[in-house]
Amino acid sequence: MAFWHDLAAPVIAGILASMIVNWLNKRK
């Protein structure tokens, strides 16, 4: 479970970052 969490954390962070970037671009 620790391995899965270490693998999922950066993936989820990357997805959230891309979603935030897209949201900010749409606001302009």
N, C-alpha and C. Protein backbone atom coordinates (compact mmCIF):
# COMPACT_ATOMS: atom_id res chain seq x y z
N MET A 1 0.84 -1.20 0.00
CA MET A 1 0.00 0.00 0.00
C MET A 1 0.87 1.26 0.00
N ALA A 2 2.01 1.19 0.68
CA ALA A 2 2.91 2.35 0.71
C ALA A 2 3.44 2.64 -0.69
N PHE A 3 3.76 1.56 -1.43
CA PHE A 3 4.27 1.74 -2.80
C PHE A 3 3.21 2.40 -3.68
N TRP A 4 1.96 1.95 -3.55
CA TRP A 4 0.88 2.52 -4.36
C TRP A 4 0.69 3.99 -4.02
N HIS A 5 0.76 4.32 -2.72
CA HIS A 5 0.56 5.71 -2.31
C HIS A 5 1.68 6.59 -2.85
N ASP A 6 2.92 6.08 -2.80
CA ASP A 6 4.05 6.85 -3.32
C ASP A 6 3.92 7.04 -4.83
N LEU A 7 3.30 6.09 -5.50
CA LEU A 7 3.15 6.19 -6.95
C LEU A 7 1.98 7.09 -7.32
N ALA A 8 0.90 7.02 -6.54
CA ALA A 8 -0.32 7.76 -6.87
C ALA A 8 -0.19 9.24 -6.52
N ALA A 9 0.55 9.57 -5.47
CA ALA A 9 0.64 10.96 -5.02
C ALA A 9 1.11 11.91 -6.13
N PRO A 10 2.24 11.66 -6.79
CA PRO A 10 2.70 12.57 -7.86
C PRO A 10 1.76 12.57 -9.06
N VAL A 11 1.12 11.44 -9.34
CA VAL A 11 0.19 11.39 -10.47
C VAL A 11 -1.02 12.27 -10.19
N ILE A 12 -1.58 12.15 -8.98
CA ILE A 12 -2.74 12.97 -8.60
C ILE A 12 -2.34 14.44 -8.58
N ALA A 13 -1.15 14.74 -8.06
CA ALA A 13 -0.68 16.13 -8.01
C ALA A 13 -0.56 16.69 -9.42
N GLY A 14 -0.06 15.90 -10.35
CA GLY A 14 0.08 16.36 -11.73
C GLY A 14 -1.27 16.61 -12.38
N ILE A 15 -2.24 15.73 -12.12
CA ILE A 15 -3.58 15.91 -12.68
C ILE A 15 -4.23 17.17 -12.11
N LEU A 16 -4.10 17.37 -10.79
CA LEU A 16 -4.67 18.57 -10.17
C LEU A 16 -4.01 19.82 -10.73
N ALA A 17 -2.70 19.78 -10.91
CA ALA A 17 -1.98 20.94 -11.44
C ALA A 17 -2.47 21.28 -12.84
N SER A 18 -2.65 20.26 -13.69
CA SER A 18 -3.10 20.51 -15.06
C SER A 18 -4.53 21.04 -15.07
N MET A 19 -5.37 20.54 -14.16
CA MET A 19 -6.74 21.04 -14.08
C MET A 19 -6.78 22.50 -13.65
N ILE A 20 -5.92 22.86 -12.70
CA ILE A 20 -5.86 24.25 -12.22
C ILE A 20 -5.37 25.16 -13.33
N VAL A 21 -4.36 24.71 -14.07
CA VAL A 21 -3.83 25.52 -15.17
C VAL A 21 -4.91 25.75 -16.23
N ASN A 22 -5.63 24.69 -16.58
CA ASN A 22 -6.71 24.83 -17.57
C ASN A 22 -7.79 25.76 -17.07
N TRP A 23 -8.12 25.67 -15.77
CA TRP A 23 -9.16 26.53 -15.19
C TRP A 23 -8.72 27.99 -15.22
N LEU A 24 -7.45 28.24 -14.90
CA LEU A 24 -6.96 29.62 -14.91
C LEU A 24 -6.95 30.17 -16.33
N ASN A 25 -6.60 29.33 -17.30
CA ASN A 25 -6.58 29.78 -18.70
C ASN A 25 -7.99 30.11 -19.18
N LYS A 26 -8.98 29.39 -18.72
CA LYS A 26 -10.36 29.65 -19.15
C LYS A 26 -10.89 30.94 -18.54
N ARG A 27 -10.36 31.33 -17.37
CA ARG A 27 -10.86 32.53 -16.69
C ARG A 27 -10.46 33.80 -17.42
N LYS A 28 -9.32 33.76 -18.13
CA LYS A 28 -8.82 34.98 -18.77
C LYS A 28 -9.80 35.48 -19.84
